Amino acid sequence: QVQLVESGGGLVQAGGSLRLSCAASGGTFSRYAMAWFRQAPGKERDFVAAINWSGENTYYTDSVKGRCTISRDNAKNTVDLQMNALKPEDTAVYYCAAVRRFIPTLAGRSWMIRAEEFDYWGPGTQVTASS
């Protein structure tokens, strides 16, 4: 059983930056692909970024490409999401997620990665980008 805890959320002005971090425990971290999702009020939980077990492969939703970077440290059991040039539409609760068997699907030029594919979740951290 994997436990995940996010940190680093907060309130920032549009154009600013935040770095989210997720700490994992209870499992062999390097066996899991990791991802970040976000959920705004009244909306579904949407994919933001993912990284494979080794950190060699990363995946992003189109709206954050060029603004966000996902990274992991298997020695420290952490996965981070660096978010730059934040926009008001980035405002949401951000969740860290883990899965052993990760098979990303490409639809055209966009990654179709669904929350239902992930087995373990953190409680979330609020990110608010004010205009």
Protein backbone atom coordinates (compact mmCIF):
# COMPACT_ATOMS: atom_id res chain seq x y z
CA GLN A 1 0.00 0.00 0.00
CA VAL A 2 1.42 3.35 -1.07
CA GLN A 3 0.74 6.55 0.85
CA LEU A 4 1.12 9.90 -0.91
CA VAL A 5 1.21 13.37 0.59
CA GLU A 6 1.37 16.57 -1.46
CA SER A 7 2.83 19.91 -0.39
CA GLY A 8 3.75 23.24 -1.90
CA GLY A 9 0.38 24.60 -2.93
CA GLY A 10 -0.64 28.16 -2.23
CA LEU A 11 -1.83 31.49 -3.56
CA VAL A 12 0.20 33.17 -6.28
CA GLN A 13 -0.39 35.99 -8.74
CA ALA A 14 -0.90 35.14 -12.37
CA GLY A 15 2.49 34.78 -14.02
CA GLY A 16 4.09 33.46 -10.86
CA SER A 17 5.54 30.05 -10.05
CA LEU A 18 4.94 27.25 -7.60
CA ARG A 19 6.69 23.95 -6.98
CA LEU A 20 4.54 21.08 -5.79
CA SER A 21 6.07 18.07 -4.12
CA CYS A 22 4.68 14.62 -3.39
CA ALA A 23 6.26 12.34 -0.81
CA ALA A 24 5.61 8.59 -1.09
CA SER A 25 5.86 5.89 1.54
CA GLY A 26 4.80 2.29 2.05
CA GLY A 27 6.00 0.83 -1.22
CA THR A 28 8.94 0.53 -3.58
CA PHE A 29 8.70 3.97 -5.12
CA SER A 30 10.81 3.18 -8.18
CA ARG A 31 8.28 0.53 -9.28
CA TYR A 32 5.56 3.13 -9.81
CA ALA A 33 4.77 5.60 -12.51
CA MET A 34 3.70 8.90 -10.96
CA ALA A 35 1.38 11.64 -12.11
CA TRP A 36 -0.22 14.91 -11.19
CA PHE A 37 -3.90 15.59 -11.75
CA ARG A 38 -6.01 18.61 -10.91
CA GLN A 39 -9.64 19.23 -10.15
CA ALA A 40 -11.40 22.58 -10.22
CA PRO A 41 -14.76 23.07 -8.46
CA GLY A 42 -17.58 21.40 -10.37
CA LYS A 43 -15.21 19.80 -12.89
CA GLU A 44 -13.67 16.39 -13.44
CA ARG A 45 -10.22 15.41 -12.27
CA ASP A 46 -7.92 16.11 -15.22
CA PHE A 47 -4.46 14.88 -16.13
CA VAL A 48 -1.61 17.40 -15.83
CA ALA A 49 1.70 15.52 -16.05
CA ALA A 50 3.15 12.04 -15.61
CA ILE A 51 6.56 10.42 -15.36
CA ASN A 52 7.58 6.81 -15.77
CA TRP A 53 9.34 4.76 -13.09
CA SER A 54 12.87 5.78 -14.12
CA GLY A 55 12.16 9.42 -14.88
CA GLU A 56 13.26 8.90 -18.47
CA ASN A 57 9.84 9.57 -19.98
CA THR A 58 7.53 12.45 -19.18
CA TYR A 59 4.05 13.32 -20.39
CA TYR A 60 2.08 16.57 -20.26
CA THR A 61 -1.37 17.79 -21.07
CA ASP A 62 -1.31 20.36 -23.85
CA SER A 63 -2.32 23.29 -21.67
CA VAL A 64 0.78 23.04 -19.45
CA LYS A 65 3.44 22.14 -22.03
CA GLY A 66 6.32 24.57 -21.81
CA ARG A 67 5.14 25.88 -18.43
CA CYS A 68 5.38 22.82 -16.19
CA THR A 69 8.08 20.23 -15.51
CA ILE A 70 7.60 16.94 -13.69
CA SER A 71 10.58 15.25 -12.08
CA ARG A 72 11.25 12.49 -9.57
CA ASP A 73 13.94 11.45 -7.13
CA ASN A 74 13.80 7.72 -6.51
CA ALA A 75 16.35 7.98 -3.72
CA LYS A 76 14.12 10.40 -1.81
CA ASN A 77 10.77 8.89 -2.87
CA THR A 78 9.51 12.19 -4.18
CA VAL A 79 7.95 13.54 -7.34
CA ASP A 80 7.78 17.27 -8.04
CA LEU A 81 5.83 19.51 -10.37
CA GLN A 82 7.42 22.87 -11.18
CA MET A 83 4.76 25.24 -12.48
CA ASN A 84 5.71 28.53 -14.13
CA ALA A 85 3.73 31.31 -15.77
CA LEU A 86 0.66 30.30 -13.80
CA LYS A 87 -2.73 31.34 -15.15
CA PRO A 88 -6.06 31.77 -13.33
CA GLU A 89 -7.32 28.67 -15.17
CA ASP A 90 -4.62 26.63 -13.41
CA THR A 91 -6.50 27.17 -10.14
CA ALA A 92 -7.51 23.76 -8.75
CA VAL A 93 -6.74 21.15 -6.16
CA TYR A 94 -3.68 19.24 -7.37
CA TYR A 95 -3.39 15.53 -6.64
CA CYS A 96 -0.42 13.19 -6.79
CA ALA A 97 -1.12 9.66 -8.04
CA ALA A 98 0.76 6.38 -8.48
CA VAL A 99 0.30 3.24 -10.55
CA ARG A 100 2.43 0.15 -11.18
CA ARG A 101 1.27 -0.62 -14.69
CA PHE A 102 1.36 2.56 -16.76
CA ILE A 103 0.39 2.46 -20.41
CA PRO A 104 -0.01 6.03 -21.72
CA THR A 105 -2.24 6.43 -24.74
CA LEU A 106 -1.58 8.93 -27.48
CA ALA A 107 -4.62 10.40 -29.24
CA GLY A 108 -3.31 12.36 -32.15
CA ARG A 109 -0.65 14.55 -30.59
CA SER A 110 -2.17 14.61 -27.10
CA TRP A 111 -1.79 12.17 -24.23
CA MET A 112 -5.00 10.56 -23.01
CA ILE A 113 -4.21 9.64 -19.42
CA ARG A 114 -7.18 9.10 -17.13
CA ALA A 115 -7.53 9.29 -13.37
CA GLU A 116 -9.16 5.82 -13.40
CA GLU A 117 -5.82 4.30 -14.46
CA PHE A 118 -4.16 5.21 -11.15
CA ASP A 119 -4.37 3.19 -7.95
CA TYR A 120 -3.07 5.47 -5.19
CA TRP A 121 -3.85 9.10 -4.45
CA GLY A 122 -2.80 11.83 -2.09
CA PRO A 123 -5.29 14.14 -0.33
CA GLY A 124 -4.46 17.06 -2.63
CA THR A 125 -3.07 20.56 -2.30
CA GLN A 126 -4.79 23.79 -3.34
CA VAL A 127 -3.23 25.99 -6.02
CA THR A 128 -4.75 29.39 -6.64
CA ALA A 129 -3.48 31.76 -9.32
CA SER A 130 -5.12 35.15 -8.96
CA SER A 131 -5.62 37.56 -11.84
